[in-house]
Each structure stands twice: as structure tokens, then as C-alpha cells.
Full PDB file with SEQRES, HELIX, SHEET, SSBOND, CRYST1, ORIGX, SCALE, CONECT and MASTER records, all heavy atoms in Angstrom:
SEQRES   1 A   29  ASP LEU LEU ARG ASP SER GLY LEU GLU CYS VAL PHE ASN          
SEQRES   2 A   29  THR THR GLY ARG ARG ALA LYS ARG GLU GLU LEU MET GLU          
SEQRES   3 A   29  TRP GLY ALA                                                  
HELIX    1 AA1 LEU A    2  SER A    6  1                                   5    
HELIX    2 AA2 ARG A   21  TRP A   27  1                                   7    
CRYST1    1.000    1.000    1.000  90.00  90.00  90.00 P 1           1          
ORIGX1      1.000000  0.000000  0.000000        0.00000                         
ORIGX2      0.000000  1.000000  0.000000        0.00000                         
ORIGX3      0.000000  0.000000  1.000000        0.00000                         
SCALE1      1.000000  0.000000  0.000000        0.00000                         
SCALE2      0.000000  1.000000  0.000000        0.00000                         
SCALE3      0.000000  0.000000  1.000000        0.00000                         
ATOM      1  N   ASP A   1     141.777 174.088 147.809  1.00  0.00           N  
ATOM      2  CA  ASP A   1     140.362 173.724 147.947  1.00  0.00           C  
ATOM      3  C   ASP A   1     139.856 173.033 146.689  1.00  0.00           C  
ATOM      4  O   ASP A   1     139.108 172.049 146.753  1.00  0.00           O  
ATOM      5  CB  ASP A   1     139.515 174.975 148.225  1.00  0.00           C  
ATOM      6  CG  ASP A   1     139.766 175.570 149.596  1.00  0.00           C  
ATOM      7  OD1 ASP A   1     140.330 174.861 150.456  1.00  0.00           O  
ATOM      8  OD2 ASP A   1     139.410 176.743 149.799  1.00  0.00           O  
ATOM      9  N   LEU A   2     140.273 173.543 145.526  1.00  0.00           N  
ATOM     10  CA  LEU A   2     139.848 172.969 144.259  1.00  0.00           C  
ATOM     11  C   LEU A   2     140.349 171.534 144.121  1.00  0.00           C  
ATOM     12  O   LEU A   2     139.620 170.647 143.662  1.00  0.00           O  
ATOM     13  CB  LEU A   2     140.364 173.837 143.104  1.00  0.00           C  
ATOM     14  CG  LEU A   2     139.757 173.621 141.716  1.00  0.00           C  
ATOM     15  CD1 LEU A   2     138.245 173.802 141.749  1.00  0.00           C  
ATOM     16  CD2 LEU A   2     140.392 174.595 140.716  1.00  0.00           C  
ATOM     17  N   LEU A   3     141.573 171.310 144.536  1.00  0.00           N  
ATOM     18  CA  LEU A   3     142.117 169.954 144.499  1.00  0.00           C  
ATOM     19  C   LEU A   3     141.369 169.037 145.460  1.00  0.00           C  
ATOM     20  O   LEU A   3     140.984 167.913 145.114  1.00  0.00           O  
ATOM     21  CB  LEU A   3     143.599 169.977 144.872  1.00  0.00           C  
ATOM     22  CG  LEU A   3     144.627 170.055 143.746  1.00  0.00           C  
ATOM     23  CD1 LEU A   3     146.030 170.022 144.324  1.00  0.00           C  
ATOM     24  CD2 LEU A   3     144.438 168.917 142.757  1.00  0.00           C  
ATOM     25  N   ARG A   4     141.172 169.505 146.676  1.00  0.00           N  
ATOM     26  CA  ARG A   4     140.506 168.682 147.690  1.00  0.00           C  
ATOM     27  C   ARG A   4     139.066 168.373 147.300  1.00  0.00           C  
ATOM     28  O   ARG A   4     138.597 167.245 147.470  1.00  0.00           O  
ATOM     29  CB  ARG A   4     140.551 169.396 149.039  1.00  0.00           C  
ATOM     30  CG  ARG A   4     141.925 169.364 149.702  1.00  0.00           C  
ATOM     31  CD  ARG A   4     141.954 170.211 150.954  1.00  0.00           C  
ATOM     32  NE  ARG A   4     143.215 170.059 151.667  1.00  0.00           N  
ATOM     33  CZ  ARG A   4     143.649 170.888 152.614  1.00  0.00           C  
ATOM     34  NH1 ARG A   4     142.891 171.941 152.956  1.00  0.00           N  
ATOM     35  NH2 ARG A   4     144.807 170.688 153.213  1.00  0.00           N  
ATOM     36  N   ASP A   5     138.370 169.363 146.759  1.00  0.00           N  
ATOM     37  CA  ASP A   5     136.978 169.157 146.370  1.00  0.00           C  
ATOM     38  C   ASP A   5     136.849 168.169 145.217  1.00  0.00           C  
ATOM     39  O   ASP A   5     135.793 167.556 145.029  1.00  0.00           O  
ATOM     40  CB  ASP A   5     136.332 170.495 145.971  1.00  0.00           C  
ATOM     41  CG  ASP A   5     136.154 171.425 147.158  1.00  0.00           C  
ATOM     42  OD1 ASP A   5     136.255 170.967 148.299  1.00  0.00           O  
ATOM     43  OD2 ASP A   5     135.938 172.637 146.924  1.00  0.00           O  
ATOM     44  N   SER A   6     137.914 168.015 144.435  1.00  0.00           N  
ATOM     45  CA  SER A   6     137.875 167.069 143.316  1.00  0.00           C  
ATOM     46  C   SER A   6     137.933 165.619 143.798  1.00  0.00           C  
ATOM     47  O   SER A   6     137.612 164.697 143.047  1.00  0.00           O  
ATOM     48  CB  SER A   6     139.059 167.325 142.378  1.00  0.00           C  
ATOM     49  OG  SER A   6     140.279 166.903 142.984  1.00  0.00           O  
ATOM     50  N   GLY A   7     138.355 165.427 145.049  1.00  0.00           N  
ATOM     51  CA  GLY A   7     138.472 164.075 145.586  1.00  0.00           C  
ATOM     52  C   GLY A   7     139.717 163.335 145.141  1.00  0.00           C  
ATOM     53  O   GLY A   7     139.863 162.135 145.413  1.00  0.00           O  
ATOM     54  N   LEU A   8     140.630 164.030 144.465  1.00  0.00           N  
ATOM     55  CA  LEU A   8     141.839 163.387 143.971  1.00  0.00           C  
ATOM     56  C   LEU A   8     142.847 163.141 145.090  1.00  0.00           C  
ATOM     57  O   LEU A   8     142.982 163.931 146.017  1.00  0.00           O  
ATOM     58  CB  LEU A   8     142.507 164.260 142.902  1.00  0.00           C  
ATOM     59  CG  LEU A   8     141.738 164.473 141.601  1.00  0.00           C  
ATOM     60  CD1 LEU A   8     142.420 165.521 140.758  1.00  0.00           C  
ATOM     61  CD2 LEU A   8     141.636 163.161 140.838  1.00  0.00           C  
ATOM     62  N   GLU A   9     143.571 162.052 144.957  1.00  0.00           N  
ATOM     63  CA  GLU A   9     144.687 161.785 145.851  1.00  0.00           C  
ATOM     64  C   GLU A   9     145.899 162.526 145.300  1.00  0.00           C  
ATOM     65  O   GLU A   9     146.165 162.508 144.091  1.00  0.00           O  
ATOM     66  CB  GLU A   9     144.971 160.286 145.915  1.00  0.00           C  
ATOM     67  CG  GLU A   9     146.090 159.914 146.885  1.00  0.00           C  
ATOM     68  CD  GLU A   9     146.388 158.427 146.885  1.00  0.00           C  
ATOM     69  OE1 GLU A   9     145.660 157.675 146.200  1.00  0.00           O  
ATOM     70  OE2 GLU A   9     147.365 158.028 147.548  1.00  0.00           O  
ATOM     71  N   CYS A  10     146.640 163.175 146.181  1.00  0.00           N  
ATOM     72  CA  CYS A  10     147.741 164.023 145.719  1.00  0.00           C  
ATOM     73  C   CYS A  10     149.047 163.690 146.432  1.00  0.00           C  
ATOM     74  O   CYS A  10     149.059 163.325 147.613  1.00  0.00           O  
ATOM     75  CB  CYS A  10     147.426 165.493 145.964  1.00  0.00           C  
ATOM     76  SG  CYS A  10     145.990 166.097 145.068  1.00  0.00           S  
ATOM     77  N   VAL A  11     150.136 163.837 145.682  1.00  0.00           N  
ATOM     78  CA  VAL A  11     151.491 163.786 146.231  1.00  0.00           C  
ATOM     79  C   VAL A  11     152.035 165.212 146.168  1.00  0.00           C  
ATOM     80  O   VAL A  11     151.992 165.847 145.111  1.00  0.00           O  
ATOM     81  CB  VAL A  11     152.395 162.850 145.405  1.00  0.00           C  
ATOM     82  CG1 VAL A  11     153.814 162.864 145.953  1.00  0.00           C  
ATOM     83  CG2 VAL A  11     151.827 161.443 145.393  1.00  0.00           C  
ATOM     84  N   PHE A  12     152.536 165.728 147.288  1.00  0.00           N  
ATOM     85  CA  PHE A  12     152.992 167.114 147.345  1.00  0.00           C  
ATOM     86  C   PHE A  12     154.508 167.199 147.461  1.00  0.00           C  
ATOM     87  O   PHE A  12     155.136 166.381 148.144  1.00  0.00           O  
ATOM     88  CB  PHE A  12     152.360 167.825 148.551  1.00  0.00           C  
ATOM     89  CG  PHE A  12     150.896 168.108 148.388  1.00  0.00           C  
ATOM     90  CD1 PHE A  12     149.952 167.169 148.789  1.00  0.00           C  
ATOM     91  CD2 PHE A  12     150.458 169.301 147.826  1.00  0.00           C  
ATOM     92  CE1 PHE A  12     148.597 167.421 148.639  1.00  0.00           C  
ATOM     93  CE2 PHE A  12     149.105 169.562 147.678  1.00  0.00           C  
ATOM     94  CZ  PHE A  12     148.172 168.618 148.081  1.00  0.00           C  
ATOM     95  N   ASN A  13     155.072 168.199 146.795  1.00  0.00           N  
ATOM     96  CA  ASN A  13     156.482 168.535 146.981  1.00  0.00           C  
ATOM     97  C   ASN A  13     156.601 169.313 148.284  1.00  0.00           C  
ATOM     98  O   ASN A  13     156.158 170.456 148.369  1.00  0.00           O  
ATOM     99  CB  ASN A  13     156.979 169.377 145.803  1.00  0.00           C  
ATOM    100  CG  ASN A  13     158.407 169.873 145.990  1.00  0.00           C  
ATOM    101  OD1 ASN A  13     159.072 169.555 146.972  1.00  0.00           O  
ATOM    102  ND2 ASN A  13     158.883 170.664 145.042  1.00  0.00           N  
ATOM    103  N   THR A  14     157.202 168.709 149.277  1.00  0.00           N  
ATOM    104  CA  THR A  14     157.324 169.351 150.591  1.00  0.00           C  
ATOM    105  C   THR A  14     158.759 169.780 150.889  1.00  0.00           C  
ATOM    106  O   THR A  14     159.085 170.102 152.032  1.00  0.00           O  
ATOM    107  CB  THR A  14     156.841 168.396 151.698  1.00  0.00           C  
ATOM    108  OG1 THR A  14     157.632 167.192 151.663  1.00  0.00           O  
ATOM    109  CG2 THR A  14     155.372 168.041 151.522  1.00  0.00           C  
ATOM    110  N   THR A  15     159.621 169.793 149.867  1.00  0.00           N  
ATOM    111  CA  THR A  15     161.028 170.112 150.091  1.00  0.00           C  
ATOM    112  C   THR A  15     161.282 171.603 150.264  1.00  0.00           C  
ATOM    113  O   THR A  15     162.319 171.997 150.797  1.00  0.00           O  
ATOM    114  CB  THR A  15     161.888 169.614 148.915  1.00  0.00           C  
ATOM    115  OG1 THR A  15     161.527 170.340 147.733  1.00  0.00           O  
ATOM    116  CG2 THR A  15     161.677 168.122 148.680  1.00  0.00           C  
ATOM    117  N   GLY A  16     160.337 172.445 149.774  1.00  0.00           N  
ATOM    118  CA  GLY A  16     160.555 173.882 149.831  1.00  0.00           C  
ATOM    119  C   GLY A  16     161.511 174.388 148.771  1.00  0.00           C  
ATOM    120  O   GLY A  16     161.956 175.539 148.825  1.00  0.00           O  
ATOM    121  N   ARG A  17     161.827 173.564 147.791  1.00  0.00           N  
ATOM    122  CA  ARG A  17     162.725 173.947 146.700  1.00  0.00           C  
ATOM    123  C   ARG A  17     162.240 173.285 145.411  1.00  0.00           C  
ATOM    124  O   ARG A  17     161.337 172.457 145.431  1.00  0.00           O  
ATOM    125  CB  ARG A  17     164.165 173.514 146.991  1.00  0.00           C  
ATOM    126  CG  ARG A  17     164.293 172.040 147.277  1.00  0.00           C  
ATOM    127  CD  ARG A  17     165.701 171.510 147.144  1.00  0.00           C  
ATOM    128  NE  ARG A  17     165.795 170.146 147.628  1.00  0.00           N  
ATOM    129  CZ  ARG A  17     165.367 169.080 146.962  1.00  0.00           C  
ATOM    130  NH1 ARG A  17     164.799 169.223 145.775  1.00  0.00           N  
ATOM    131  NH2 ARG A  17     165.492 167.872 147.471  1.00  0.00           N  
ATOM    132  N   ARG A  18     162.897 173.652 144.301  1.00  0.00           N  
ATOM    133  CA  ARG A  18     162.562 173.060 143.011  1.00  0.00           C  
ATOM    134  C   ARG A  18     162.843 171.560 143.020  1.00  0.00           C  
ATOM    135  O   ARG A  18     163.901 171.112 143.487  1.00  0.00           O  
ATOM    136  CB  ARG A  18     163.356 173.729 141.900  1.00  0.00           C  
ATOM    137  CG  ARG A  18     162.984 173.277 140.491  1.00  0.00           C  
ATOM    138  CD  ARG A  18     163.827 173.994 139.448  1.00  0.00           C  
ATOM    139  NE  ARG A  18     163.653 175.445 139.542  1.00  0.00           N  
ATOM    140  CZ  ARG A  18     164.359 176.314 138.837  1.00  0.00           C  
ATOM    141  NH1 ARG A  18     165.299 175.889 137.989  1.00  0.00           N  
ATOM    142  NH2 ARG A  18     164.135 177.609 138.962  1.00  0.00           N  
ATOM    143  N   ALA A  19     161.907 170.770 142.523  1.00  0.00           N  
ATOM    144  CA  ALA A  19     162.067 169.318 142.495  1.00  0.00           C  
ATOM    145  C   ALA A  19     163.155 168.914 141.513  1.00  0.00           C  
ATOM    146  O   ALA A  19     163.318 169.507 140.447  1.00  0.00           O  
ATOM    147  CB  ALA A  19     160.749 168.655 142.106  1.00  0.00           C  
ATOM    148  N   LYS A  20     163.907 167.882 141.873  1.00  0.00           N  
ATOM    149  CA  LYS A  20     164.948 167.338 141.013  1.00  0.00           C  
ATOM    150  C   LYS A  20     164.360 166.218 140.138  1.00  0.00           C  
ATOM    151  O   LYS A  20     163.304 165.669 140.431  1.00  0.00           O  
ATOM    152  CB  LYS A  20     166.098 166.787 141.851  1.00  0.00           C  
ATOM    153  CG  LYS A  20     166.753 167.838 142.744  1.00  0.00           C  
ATOM    154  CD  LYS A  20     167.828 167.214 143.621  1.00  0.00           C  
ATOM    155  CE  LYS A  20     168.468 168.246 144.538  1.00  0.00           C  
ATOM    156  NZ  LYS A  20     169.478 167.634 145.427  1.00  0.00           N  
ATOM    157  N   ARG A  21     165.087 165.893 139.073  1.00  0.00           N  
ATOM    158  CA  ARG A  21     164.614 164.877 138.130  1.00  0.00           C  
ATOM    159  C   ARG A  21     164.324 163.557 138.845  1.00  0.00           C  
ATOM    160  O   ARG A  21     163.295 162.920 138.627  1.00  0.00           O  
ATOM    161  CB  ARG A  21     165.654 164.634 137.034  1.00  0.00           C  
ATOM    162  CG  ARG A  21     165.850 165.804 136.090  1.00  0.00           C  
ATOM    163  CD  ARG A  21     166.923 165.525 135.049  1.00  0.00           C  
ATOM    164  NE  ARG A  21     166.485 164.537 134.074  1.00  0.00           N  
ATOM    165  CZ  ARG A  21     166.845 163.262 134.079  1.00  0.00           C  
ATOM    166  NH1 ARG A  21     167.631 162.788 135.034  1.00  0.00           N  
ATOM    167  NH2 ARG A  21     166.409 162.449 133.135  1.00  0.00           N  
ATOM    168  N   GLU A  22     165.252 163.138 139.700  1.00  0.00           N  
ATOM    169  CA  GLU A  22     165.081 161.860 140.377  1.00  0.00           C  
ATOM    170  C   GLU A  22     163.854 161.864 141.278  1.00  0.00           C  
ATOM    171  O   GLU A  22     163.160 160.847 141.408  1.00  0.00           O  
ATOM    172  CB  GLU A  22     166.332 161.534 141.218  1.00  0.00           C  
ATOM    173  CG  GLU A  22     167.654 161.577 140.468  1.00  0.00           C  
ATOM    174  CD  GLU A  22     168.158 162.999 140.230  1.00  0.00           C  
ATOM    175  OE1 GLU A  22     168.048 163.849 141.136  1.00  0.00           O  
ATOM    176  OE2 GLU A  22     168.614 163.249 139.095  1.00  0.00           O  
ATOM    177  N   GLU A  23     163.580 163.004 141.891  1.00  0.00           N  
ATOM    178  CA  GLU A  23     162.411 163.121 142.757  1.00  0.00           C  
ATOM    179  C   GLU A  23     161.126 163.058 141.934  1.00  0.00           C  
ATOM    180  O   GLU A  23     160.158 162.399 142.333  1.00  0.00           O  
ATOM    181  CB  GLU A  23     162.484 164.422 143.553  1.00  0.00           C  
ATOM    182  CG  GLU A  23     163.612 164.424 144.574  1.00  0.00           C  
ATOM    183  CD  GLU A  23     163.871 165.795 145.175  1.00  0.00           C  
ATOM    184  OE1 GLU A  23     163.590 166.811 144.512  1.00  0.00           O  
ATOM    185  OE2 GLU A  23     164.365 165.843 146.326  1.00  0.00           O  
ATOM    186  N   LEU A  24     161.114 163.742 140.797  1.00  0.00           N  
ATOM    187  CA  LEU A  24     159.934 163.678 139.930  1.00  0.00           C  
ATOM    188  C   LEU A  24     159.647 162.247 139.502  1.00  0.00           C  
ATOM    189  O   LEU A  24     158.493 161.807 139.487  1.00  0.00           O  
ATOM    190  CB  LEU A  24     160.150 164.547 138.688  1.00  0.00           C  
ATOM    191  CG  LEU A  24     160.241 166.063 138.904  1.00  0.00           C  
ATOM    192  CD1 LEU A  24     160.637 166.746 137.602  1.00  0.00           C  
ATOM    193  CD2 LEU A  24     158.923 166.619 139.417  1.00  0.00           C  
ATOM    194  N   MET A  25     160.693 161.525 139.156  1.00  0.00           N  
ATOM    195  CA  MET A  25     160.536 160.144 138.704  1.00  0.00           C  
ATOM    196  C   MET A  25     160.014 159.244 139.817  1.00  0.00           C  
ATOM    197  O   MET A  25     159.215 158.335 139.574  1.00  0.00           O  
ATOM    198  CB  MET A  25     161.874 159.637 138.158  1.00  0.00           C  
ATOM    199  CG  MET A  25     162.324 160.386 136.909  1.00  0.00           C  
ATOM    200  SD  MET A  25     164.071 160.159 136.481  1.00  0.00           S  
ATOM    201  CE  MET A  25     164.012 158.511 135.777  1.00  0.00           C  
ATOM    202  N   GLU A  26     160.438 159.538 141.033  1.00  0.00           N  
ATOM    203  CA  GLU A  26     159.964 158.745 142.187  1.00  0.00           C  
ATOM    204  C   GLU A  26     158.539 159.137 142.570  1.00  0.00           C  
ATOM    205  O   GLU A  26     157.657 158.280 142.701  1.00  0.00           O  
ATOM    206  CB  GLU A  26     160.896 158.963 143.376  1.00  0.00           C  
ATOM    207  CG  GLU A  26     160.449 158.255 144.648  1.00  0.00           C  
ATOM    208  CD  GLU A  26     161.295 158.606 145.860  1.00  0.00           C  
ATOM    209  OE1 GLU A  26     162.345 159.271 145.690  1.00  0.00           O  
ATOM    210  OE2 GLU A  26     160.888 158.236 146.983  1.00  0.00           O  
ATOM    211  N   TRP A  27     158.293 160.428 142.730  1.00  0.00           N  
ATOM    212  CA  TRP A  27     156.985 160.889 143.190  1.00  0.00           C  
ATOM    213  C   TRP A  27     155.893 160.637 142.145  1.00  0.00           C  
ATOM    214  O   TRP A  27     154.742 160.389 142.493  1.00  0.00           O  
ATOM    215  CB  TRP A  27     157.024 162.392 143.491  1.00  0.00           C  
ATOM    216  CG  TRP A  27     157.984 162.798 144.558  1.00  0.00           C  
ATOM    217  CD1 TRP A  27     158.520 162.012 145.531  1.00  0.00           C  
ATOM    218  CD2 TRP A  27     158.548 164.105 144.740  1.00  0.00           C  
ATOM    219  NE1 TRP A  27     159.369 162.743 146.327  1.00  0.00           N  
ATOM    220  CE2 TRP A  27     159.410 164.028 145.867  1.00  0.00           C  
ATOM    221  CE3 TRP A  27     158.412 165.322 144.081  1.00  0.00           C  
ATOM    222  CZ2 TRP A  27     160.127 165.136 146.331  1.00  0.00           C  
ATOM    223  CZ3 TRP A  27     159.119 166.421 144.540  1.00  0.00           C  
ATOM    224  CH2 TRP A  27     159.965 166.328 145.647  1.00  0.00           C  
ATOM    225  N   GLY A  28     156.268 160.753 140.866  1.00  0.00           N  
ATOM    226  CA  GLY A  28     155.257 160.688 139.819  1.00  0.00           C  
ATOM    227  C   GLY A  28     155.060 159.323 139.198  1.00  0.00           C  
ATOM    228  O   GLY A  28     154.347 159.207 138.190  1.00  0.00           O  
ATOM    229  N   ALA A  29     155.641 158.300 139.778  1.00  0.00           N  
ATOM    230  CA  ALA A  29     155.626 156.962 139.162  1.00  0.00           C  
ATOM    231  C   ALA A  29     154.216 156.463 138.874  1.00  0.00           C  
ATOM    232  O   ALA A  29     153.988 155.766 137.875  1.00  0.00           O  
ATOM    233  CB  ALA A  29     156.377 155.975 140.046  1.00  0.00           C  
TER     234      ALA A  29                                                      
MASTER        0    0    0    2    0    0    0    6  233    1    0    3          
END                                                                             
């Protein structure tokens, strides 16, 4: 709710596991 109320656009980790380095680099570009 706090994120949504801020109006920010978000990218979520939907893998259900710890993110890998390559995924962080792609998602967080």
C-alpha cells in the first residue's frame, strides 16, 4: 500500500526465489 500510494512505478521479482546478478542488472537498468 505504501508503495502504491507513493505513485511510483515498480518492477517486482516474481520468481519466488532469490534474484540472480544477471536478473538484477536487467530488472534494475
